Amino acid sequence: MISRRFFVVQTLGTLLFLVTVVLLCETTGLDMAVQDAFYQFDSQQWLLSKHDAVLRLLFYSGPKTVFILFAVTLLISLVALRNRPRVKRYRRGLLTVLIASLLTVGVVNLLKGVTNVPCPVNLMHYDGNYPYVTLLHRVAAAEHLKRIRCFPAGHASGGFALLSLFFLFRTKRNRMIAFNGAMALGWTLGLYKMLIGDHFLSHTLVTMGLAWLISVVVAGCVFGLARVEAPAAEVESDSLVGAKVN
């Protein structure tokens, strides 16, 4: 059973993580240091080309299509197959995954539209036209430039949205498989975008944090912050940060 304490600790811990990431990358130049390693200054090219058709299929258009099909499948299951025993058993978990996934992608894209932060590929440092503009200093430095949508990382949000699968399962083993799998997918998509110059490290870290925060909040609402019952044989401790899970 997942306790109320778990939801509270995860929510507060994730908020602290997001604030720490923003402040760290604003004050240390970590983003530029990491991105410099992915750029070949001699040839003025990124380590990977965004025009490579195979890579684009594997790490961009392909995953986007799979995510859409996944969301549609969840919706169909919750509506057309709602009376099936297995769907009934996992109804709240499936609802959590659907809502959290759509909200994650939606919130990230909404933020991209208002933050007005350039991508690495747009910067003069990497043979672009924009100065280096951070999140907290974007207005003064970029008010004379065309608005640009780069923060946080939108493409990786589809992978990190699947962190919500943690709340679909009931055993520690299955929850951690789902959690780690979503992390691996999110970082694969995020790293691809970093290697082609589309995002900084902080962009991906913030998307990851937002995805988990949204998943926790949605799960808390769907399950009513009550204890989530599971068969006694399946109940195991599954805290991610030390919160007790009975």
C-alpha atoms as a PDB file:
ATOM      1  CA  MET A   1       0.000   0.000   0.000  1.00  0.00           C
ATOM      2  CA  ILE A   2       1.276   3.465  -0.852  1.00  0.00           C
ATOM      3  CA  SER A   3       0.940   5.843   2.069  1.00  0.00           C
ATOM      4  CA  ARG A   4       0.024   9.517   2.083  1.00  0.00           C
ATOM      5  CA  ARG A   5       3.551  10.205   3.304  1.00  0.00           C
ATOM      6  CA  PHE A   6       4.932   8.776   0.081  1.00  0.00           C
ATOM      7  CA  PHE A   7       2.982  11.268  -2.020  1.00  0.00           C
ATOM      8  CA  VAL A   8       3.940  14.205   0.209  1.00  0.00           C
ATOM      9  CA  VAL A   9       7.640  13.318   0.306  1.00  0.00           C
ATOM     10  CA  GLN A  10       7.782  12.725  -3.444  1.00  0.00           C
ATOM     11  CA  THR A  11       6.017  16.004  -4.215  1.00  0.00           C
ATOM     12  CA  LEU A  12       8.222  18.113  -1.949  1.00  0.00           C
ATOM     13  CA  GLY A  13      11.379  16.289  -2.997  1.00  0.00           C
ATOM     14  CA  THR A  14      10.646  16.803  -6.685  1.00  0.00           C
ATOM     15  CA  LEU A  15       9.897  20.510  -6.212  1.00  0.00           C
ATOM     16  CA  LEU A  16      13.235  20.873  -4.424  1.00  0.00           C
ATOM     17  CA  PHE A  17      14.943  19.007  -7.258  1.00  0.00           C
ATOM     18  CA  LEU A  18      13.469  21.347  -9.882  1.00  0.00           C
ATOM     19  CA  VAL A  19      14.525  24.476  -7.997  1.00  0.00           C
ATOM     20  CA  THR A  20      18.031  23.042  -7.494  1.00  0.00           C
ATOM     21  CA  VAL A  21      18.426  22.195 -11.195  1.00  0.00           C
ATOM     22  CA  VAL A  22      17.396  25.676 -12.321  1.00  0.00           C
ATOM     23  CA  LEU A  23      19.646  27.460  -9.821  1.00  0.00           C
ATOM     24  CA  LEU A  24      22.609  25.147 -10.485  1.00  0.00           C
ATOM     25  CA  CYS A  25      22.466  25.591 -14.247  1.00  0.00           C
ATOM     26  CA  GLU A  26      21.845  29.329 -13.927  1.00  0.00           C
ATOM     27  CA  THR A  27      24.911  29.923 -11.773  1.00  0.00           C
ATOM     28  CA  THR A  28      27.539  27.381 -12.833  1.00  0.00           C
ATOM     29  CA  GLY A  29      27.633  27.281 -16.631  1.00  0.00           C
ATOM     30  CA  LEU A  30      27.069  23.523 -16.457  1.00  0.00           C
ATOM     31  CA  ASP A  31      24.795  23.553 -19.495  1.00  0.00           C
ATOM     32  CA  MET A  32      27.402  25.104 -21.756  1.00  0.00           C
ATOM     33  CA  ALA A  33      30.168  22.851 -20.452  1.00  0.00           C
ATOM     34  CA  VAL A  34      28.153  19.718 -21.227  1.00  0.00           C
ATOM     35  CA  GLN A  35      26.991  20.986 -24.604  1.00  0.00           C
ATOM     36  CA  ASP A  36      30.532  21.938 -25.653  1.00  0.00           C
ATOM     37  CA  ALA A  37      31.378  18.227 -25.464  1.00  0.00           C
ATOM     38  CA  PHE A  38      28.705  17.502 -28.058  1.00  0.00           C
ATOM     39  CA  TYR A  39      29.828  20.129 -30.565  1.00  0.00           C
ATOM     40  CA  GLN A  40      32.694  19.831 -33.046  1.00  0.00           C
ATOM     41  CA  PHE A  41      33.992  23.380 -33.242  1.00  0.00           C
ATOM     42  CA  ASP A  42      36.427  22.637 -36.091  1.00  0.00           C
ATOM     43  CA  SER A  43      33.693  21.489 -38.461  1.00  0.00           C
ATOM     44  CA  GLN A  44      30.894  23.453 -36.735  1.00  0.00           C
ATOM     45  CA  GLN A  45      28.741  20.357 -36.495  1.00  0.00           C
ATOM     46  CA  TRP A  46      27.008  18.470 -33.710  1.00  0.00           C
ATOM     47  CA  LEU A  47      27.969  14.884 -32.933  1.00  0.00           C
ATOM     48  CA  LEU A  48      24.729  13.686 -34.537  1.00  0.00           C
ATOM     49  CA  SER A  49      22.910  15.183 -37.500  1.00  0.00           C
ATOM     50  CA  LYS A  50      19.226  15.986 -37.094  1.00  0.00           C
ATOM     51  CA  HIS A  51      18.855  15.321 -40.831  1.00  0.00           C
ATOM     52  CA  ASP A  52      19.868  11.657 -40.529  1.00  0.00           C
ATOM     53  CA  ALA A  53      16.670   9.874 -41.586  1.00  0.00           C
ATOM     54  CA  VAL A  54      17.370   6.641 -39.688  1.00  0.00           C
ATOM     55  CA  LEU A  55      18.188   8.372 -36.410  1.00  0.00           C
ATOM     56  CA  ARG A  56      15.185  10.657 -36.789  1.00  0.00           C
ATOM     57  CA  LEU A  57      12.899   7.648 -37.258  1.00  0.00           C
ATOM     58  CA  LEU A  58      14.373   5.768 -34.303  1.00  0.00           C
ATOM     59  CA  PHE A  59      14.606   8.633 -31.833  1.00  0.00           C
ATOM     60  CA  TYR A  60      12.062  11.216 -32.990  1.00  0.00           C
ATOM     61  CA  SER A  61       9.168  10.413 -35.310  1.00  0.00           C
ATOM     62  CA  GLY A  62       8.984   6.737 -34.300  1.00  0.00           C
ATOM     63  CA  PRO A  63       8.681   7.337 -30.532  1.00  0.00           C
ATOM     64  CA  LYS A  64       6.132  10.117 -31.107  1.00  0.00           C
ATOM     65  CA  THR A  65       3.933   7.752 -33.091  1.00  0.00           C
ATOM     66  CA  VAL A  66       4.253   5.002 -30.475  1.00  0.00           C
ATOM     67  CA  PHE A  67       3.309   7.453 -27.702  1.00  0.00           C
ATOM     68  CA  ILE A  68       0.164   8.514 -29.552  1.00  0.00           C
ATOM     69  CA  LEU A  69      -0.823   4.881 -30.141  1.00  0.00           C
ATOM     70  CA  PHE A  70      -0.143   4.114 -26.480  1.00  0.00           C
ATOM     71  CA  ALA A  71      -2.411   6.946 -25.300  1.00  0.00           C
ATOM     72  CA  VAL A  72      -5.180   5.895 -27.705  1.00  0.00           C
ATOM     73  CA  THR A  73      -4.907   2.285 -26.502  1.00  0.00           C
ATOM     74  CA  LEU A  74      -5.241   3.399 -22.876  1.00  0.00           C
ATOM     75  CA  LEU A  75      -8.305   5.466 -23.713  1.00  0.00           C
ATOM     76  CA  ILE A  76      -9.951   2.607 -25.596  1.00  0.00           C
ATOM     77  CA  SER A  77      -9.221   0.223 -22.726  1.00  0.00           C
ATOM     78  CA  LEU A  78     -10.764   2.552 -20.147  1.00  0.00           C
ATOM     79  CA  VAL A  79     -13.867   3.194 -22.259  1.00  0.00           C
ATOM     80  CA  ALA A  80     -14.610   0.196 -24.475  1.00  0.00           C
ATOM     81  CA  LEU A  81     -13.061  -2.490 -22.254  1.00  0.00           C
ATOM     82  CA  ARG A  82     -14.008  -0.999 -18.876  1.00  0.00           C
ATOM     83  CA  ASN A  83     -15.957  -4.081 -17.825  1.00  0.00           C
ATOM     84  CA  ARG A  84     -13.117  -6.515 -18.427  1.00  0.00           C
ATOM     85  CA  PRO A  85     -11.828  -7.943 -15.102  1.00  0.00           C
ATOM     86  CA  ARG A  86      -8.214  -6.974 -15.743  1.00  0.00           C
ATOM     87  CA  VAL A  87      -9.147  -3.422 -16.749  1.00  0.00           C
ATOM     88  CA  LYS A  88     -11.349  -3.123 -13.663  1.00  0.00           C
ATOM     89  CA  ARG A  89      -8.510  -4.292 -11.462  1.00  0.00           C
ATOM     90  CA  TYR A  90      -6.076  -1.725 -12.820  1.00  0.00           C
ATOM     91  CA  ARG A  91      -8.607   1.003 -13.631  1.00  0.00           C
ATOM     92  CA  ARG A  92      -7.170   3.638 -11.301  1.00  0.00           C
ATOM     93  CA  GLY A  93      -3.635   2.886 -12.424  1.00  0.00           C
ATOM     94  CA  LEU A  94      -4.586   3.089 -16.095  1.00  0.00           C
ATOM     95  CA  LEU A  95      -6.425   6.350 -15.495  1.00  0.00           C
ATOM     96  CA  THR A  96      -3.383   7.745 -13.708  1.00  0.00           C
ATOM     97  CA  VAL A  97      -1.093   6.823 -16.599  1.00  0.00           C
ATOM     98  CA  LEU A  98      -3.413   8.342 -19.221  1.00  0.00           C
ATOM     99  CA  ILE A  99      -4.035  11.623 -17.398  1.00  0.00           C
ATOM    100  CA  ALA A 100      -0.438  12.061 -16.228  1.00  0.00           C
ATOM    101  CA  SER A 101       0.995  11.284 -19.665  1.00  0.00           C
ATOM    102  CA  LEU A 102      -1.240  13.774 -21.460  1.00  0.00           C
ATOM    103  CA  LEU A 103      -0.714  16.421 -18.778  1.00  0.00           C
ATOM    104  CA  THR A 104       3.061  16.004 -18.861  1.00  0.00           C
ATOM    105  CA  VAL A 105       3.258  16.525 -22.609  1.00  0.00           C
ATOM    106  CA  GLY A 106       0.730  19.368 -22.434  1.00  0.00           C
ATOM    107  CA  VAL A 107       2.381  21.236 -19.551  1.00  0.00           C
ATOM    108  CA  VAL A 108       5.858  20.951 -21.056  1.00  0.00           C
ATOM    109  CA  ASN A 109       4.639  22.276 -24.403  1.00  0.00           C
ATOM    110  CA  LEU A 110       2.770  25.100 -22.667  1.00  0.00           C
ATOM    111  CA  LEU A 111       5.958  26.112 -20.857  1.00  0.00           C
ATOM    112  CA  LYS A 112       7.913  25.981 -24.109  1.00  0.00           C
ATOM    113  CA  GLY A 113       5.546  28.585 -25.482  1.00  0.00           C
ATOM    114  CA  VAL A 114       6.108  31.098 -22.677  1.00  0.00           C
ATOM    115  CA  THR A 115       9.703  30.663 -21.493  1.00  0.00           C
ATOM    116  CA  ASN A 116      11.333  32.009 -24.681  1.00  0.00           C
ATOM    117  CA  VAL A 117      14.703  30.305 -24.167  1.00  0.00           C
ATOM    118  CA  PRO A 118      16.923  29.506 -27.219  1.00  0.00           C
ATOM    119  CA  CYS A 119      18.240  26.055 -28.059  1.00  0.00           C
ATOM    120  CA  PRO A 120      21.993  25.392 -28.175  1.00  0.00           C
ATOM    121  CA  VAL A 121      21.891  25.253 -31.985  1.00  0.00           C
ATOM    122  CA  ASN A 122      20.529  28.818 -32.013  1.00  0.00           C
ATOM    123  CA  LEU A 123      23.410  30.309 -30.031  1.00  0.00           C
ATOM    124  CA  MET A 124      26.234  32.410 -31.445  1.00  0.00           C
ATOM    125  CA  HIS A 125      28.608  30.201 -29.473  1.00  0.00           C
ATOM    126  CA  TYR A 126      27.591  27.359 -31.796  1.00  0.00           C
ATOM    127  CA  ASP A 127      27.454  29.418 -34.997  1.00  0.00           C
ATOM    128  CA  GLY A 128      23.856  30.527 -34.445  1.00  0.00           C
ATOM    129  CA  ASN A 129      22.255  33.972 -34.163  1.00  0.00           C
ATOM    130  CA  TYR A 130      21.165  34.186 -30.524  1.00  0.00           C
ATOM    131  CA  PRO A 131      23.122  35.155 -27.394  1.00  0.00           C
ATOM    132  CA  TYR A 132      23.218  32.683 -24.510  1.00  0.00           C
ATOM    133  CA  VAL A 133      19.957  33.310 -22.664  1.00  0.00           C
ATOM    134  CA  THR A 134      19.090  31.533 -19.428  1.00  0.00           C
ATOM    135  CA  LEU A 135      15.637  30.962 -18.006  1.00  0.00           C
ATOM    136  CA  LEU A 136      15.866  33.624 -15.303  1.00  0.00           C
ATOM    137  CA  HIS A 137      17.466  36.229 -17.596  1.00  0.00           C
ATOM    138  CA  ARG A 138      15.602  35.530 -20.810  1.00  0.00           C
ATOM    139  CA  VAL A 139      13.504  38.747 -20.998  1.00  0.00           C
ATOM    140  CA  ALA A 140      16.255  41.338 -20.825  1.00  0.00           C
ATOM    141  CA  ALA A 141      18.546  39.445 -23.161  1.00  0.00           C
ATOM    142  CA  ALA A 142      16.051  38.196 -25.743  1.00  0.00           C
ATOM    143  CA  GLU A 143      13.317  40.827 -25.948  1.00  0.00           C
ATOM    144  CA  HIS A 144      14.569  42.033 -29.342  1.00  0.00           C
ATOM    145  CA  LEU A 145      14.716  38.521 -30.792  1.00  0.00           C
ATOM    146  CA  LYS A 146      12.026  36.362 -32.323  1.00  0.00           C
ATOM    147  CA  ARG A 147      10.310  34.176 -29.718  1.00  0.00           C
ATOM    148  CA  ILE A 148      11.704  30.681 -29.576  1.00  0.00           C
ATOM    149  CA  ARG A 149      10.457  27.437 -27.987  1.00  0.00           C
ATOM    150  CA  CYS A 150      13.196  25.377 -26.392  1.00  0.00           C
ATOM    151  CA  PHE A 151      12.690  25.137 -22.619  1.00  0.00           C
ATOM    152  CA  PRO A 152      11.921  22.611 -21.238  1.00  0.00           C
ATOM    153  CA  ALA A 153      12.605  19.592 -23.466  1.00  0.00           C
ATOM    154  CA  GLY A 154       9.402  18.701 -25.304  1.00  0.00           C
ATOM    155  CA  HIS A 155      10.413  15.532 -27.106  1.00  0.00           C
ATOM    156  CA  ALA A 156      11.747  13.819 -23.977  1.00  0.00           C
ATOM    157  CA  SER A 157       8.442  14.514 -22.217  1.00  0.00           C
ATOM    158  CA  GLY A 158       6.871  11.591 -24.073  1.00  0.00           C
ATOM    159  CA  GLY A 159       9.383   9.201 -22.550  1.00  0.00           C
ATOM    160  CA  PHE A 160       9.393  10.682 -19.060  1.00  0.00           C
ATOM    161  CA  ALA A 161       5.573  10.775 -19.072  1.00  0.00           C
ATOM    162  CA  LEU A 162       5.729   6.996 -18.748  1.00  0.00           C
ATOM    163  CA  LEU A 163       7.135   7.383 -15.233  1.00  0.00           C
ATOM    164  CA  SER A 164       3.439   7.324 -14.338  1.00  0.00           C
ATOM    165  CA  LEU A 165       3.509   3.581 -15.062  1.00  0.00           C
ATOM    166  CA  PHE A 166       5.012   3.279 -11.579  1.00  0.00           C
ATOM    167  CA  PHE A 167       1.481   3.704 -10.205  1.00  0.00           C
ATOM    168  CA  LEU A 168      -0.021   1.062 -12.472  1.00  0.00           C
ATOM    169  CA  PHE A 169       1.748  -1.827 -10.787  1.00  0.00           C
ATOM    170  CA  ARG A 170       1.521  -3.128  -7.232  1.00  0.00           C
ATOM    171  CA  THR A 171       4.806  -4.837  -6.480  1.00  0.00           C
ATOM    172  CA  LYS A 172       8.163  -3.212  -5.915  1.00  0.00           C
ATOM    173  CA  ARG A 173       9.759  -5.226  -8.706  1.00  0.00           C
ATOM    174  CA  ASN A 174       7.215  -4.242 -11.352  1.00  0.00           C
ATOM    175  CA  ARG A 175       7.091  -0.635 -10.225  1.00  0.00           C
ATOM    176  CA  MET A 176      10.843  -0.262 -10.437  1.00  0.00           C
ATOM    177  CA  ILE A 177      10.980  -1.974 -13.838  1.00  0.00           C
ATOM    178  CA  ALA A 178       8.401   0.542 -15.111  1.00  0.00           C
ATOM    179  CA  PHE A 179      10.163   3.480 -13.459  1.00  0.00           C
ATOM    180  CA  ASN A 180      13.623   2.570 -14.716  1.00  0.00           C
ATOM    181  CA  GLY A 181      12.321   1.749 -18.186  1.00  0.00           C
ATOM    182  CA  ALA A 182      10.649   5.159 -18.458  1.00  0.00           C
ATOM    183  CA  MET A 183      13.820   6.839 -17.214  1.00  0.00           C
ATOM    184  CA  ALA A 184      15.879   5.008 -19.814  1.00  0.00           C
ATOM    185  CA  LEU A 185      13.469   5.971 -22.596  1.00  0.00           C
ATOM    186  CA  GLY A 186      13.238   9.593 -21.498  1.00  0.00           C
ATOM    187  CA  TRP A 187      16.999   9.978 -21.313  1.00  0.00           C
ATOM    188  CA  THR A 188      17.512   8.213 -24.645  1.00  0.00           C
ATOM    189  CA  LEU A 189      15.193  10.700 -26.341  1.00  0.00           C
ATOM    190  CA  GLY A 190      16.620  13.597 -24.341  1.00  0.00           C
ATOM    191  CA  LEU A 191      20.228  12.693 -25.105  1.00  0.00           C
ATOM    192  CA  TYR A 192      19.446  12.413 -28.814  1.00  0.00           C
ATOM    193  CA  LYS A 193      18.114  15.966 -28.787  1.00  0.00           C
ATOM    194  CA  MET A 194      21.195  17.150 -26.885  1.00  0.00           C
ATOM    195  CA  LEU A 195      23.528  15.453 -29.365  1.00  0.00           C
ATOM    196  CA  ILE A 196      21.879  17.278 -32.292  1.00  0.00           C
ATOM    197  CA  GLY A 197      22.017  20.607 -30.451  1.00  0.00           C
ATOM    198  CA  ASP A 198      18.320  21.000 -29.701  1.00  0.00           C
ATOM    199  CA  HIS A 199      18.452  21.026 -25.885  1.00  0.00           C
ATOM    200  CA  PHE A 200      20.664  21.678 -22.887  1.00  0.00           C
ATOM    201  CA  LEU A 201      21.051  19.262 -19.979  1.00  0.00           C
ATOM    202  CA  SER A 202      18.889  21.465 -17.759  1.00  0.00           C
ATOM    203  CA  HIS A 203      16.043  21.321 -20.278  1.00  0.00           C
ATOM    204  CA  THR A 204      15.940  17.537 -20.008  1.00  0.00           C
ATOM    205  CA  LEU A 205      16.365  17.488 -16.227  1.00  0.00           C
ATOM    206  CA  VAL A 206      13.469  19.898 -15.764  1.00  0.00           C
ATOM    207  CA  THR A 207      11.240  17.829 -18.048  1.00  0.00           C
ATOM    208  CA  MET A 208      12.115  14.726 -16.052  1.00  0.00           C
ATOM    209  CA  GLY A 209      11.263  16.454 -12.772  1.00  0.00           C
ATOM    210  CA  LEU A 210       8.012  17.861 -14.107  1.00  0.00           C
ATOM    211  CA  ALA A 211       6.963  14.449 -15.436  1.00  0.00           C
ATOM    212  CA  TRP A 212       7.487  12.773 -12.063  1.00  0.00           C
ATOM    213  CA  LEU A 213       5.834  15.642 -10.176  1.00  0.00           C
ATOM    214  CA  ILE A 214       2.761  15.482 -12.406  1.00  0.00           C
ATOM    215  CA  SER A 215       2.644  11.690 -12.091  1.00  0.00           C
ATOM    216  CA  VAL A 216       2.733  11.866  -8.295  1.00  0.00           C
ATOM    217  CA  VAL A 217       0.097  14.605  -8.084  1.00  0.00           C
ATOM    218  CA  VAL A 218      -2.240  12.858 -10.539  1.00  0.00           C
ATOM    219  CA  ALA A 219      -1.823   9.520  -8.752  1.00  0.00           C
ATOM    220  CA  GLY A 220      -2.537  11.214  -5.443  1.00  0.00           C
ATOM    221  CA  CYS A 221      -5.751  12.651  -6.841  1.00  0.00           C
ATOM    222  CA  VAL A 222      -6.877   9.455  -8.576  1.00  0.00           C
ATOM    223  CA  PHE A 223      -6.180   7.315  -5.536  1.00  0.00           C
ATOM    224  CA  GLY A 224      -7.484  10.025  -3.208  1.00  0.00           C
ATOM    225  CA  LEU A 225      -4.223  10.094  -1.240  1.00  0.00           C
ATOM    226  CA  ALA A 226      -5.623   7.034   0.457  1.00  0.00           C
ATOM    227  CA  ARG A 227      -3.760   3.822   0.970  1.00  0.00           C
ATOM    228  CA  VAL A 228      -3.733   1.858  -2.262  1.00  0.00           C
ATOM    229  CA  GLU A 229      -4.788  -1.661  -1.472  1.00  0.00           C
ATOM    230  CA  ALA A 230      -2.976  -4.617  -2.976  1.00  0.00           C
ATOM    231  CA  PRO A 231      -3.105  -8.371  -2.335  1.00  0.00           C
ATOM    232  CA  ALA A 232      -1.067  -9.195   0.744  1.00  0.00           C
ATOM    233  CA  ALA A 233       1.270 -11.452  -1.207  1.00  0.00           C
ATOM    234  CA  GLU A 234       2.132  -8.602  -3.557  1.00  0.00           C
ATOM    235  CA  VAL A 235       2.757  -5.818  -1.074  1.00  0.00           C
ATOM    236  CA  GLU A 236       6.390  -4.737  -0.836  1.00  0.00           C
ATOM    237  CA  SER A 237       8.291  -1.613   0.164  1.00  0.00           C
ATOM    238  CA  ASP A 238       8.744   0.588  -2.877  1.00  0.00           C
ATOM    239  CA  SER A 239       9.815   4.012  -1.637  1.00  0.00           C
ATOM    240  CA  LEU A 240      12.013   5.991  -4.002  1.00  0.00           C
ATOM    241  CA  VAL A 241      13.333   8.407  -1.403  1.00  0.00           C
ATOM    242  CA  GLY A 242      12.807   6.677   1.886  1.00  0.00           C
ATOM    243  CA  ALA A 243       9.079   7.268   2.342  1.00  0.00           C
ATOM    244  CA  LYS A 244       7.452   4.300   4.006  1.00  0.00           C
ATOM    245  CA  VAL A 245       5.269   2.204   1.765  1.00  0.00           C
ATOM    246  CA  ASN A 246       3.342  -0.414   3.684  1.00  0.00           C
END
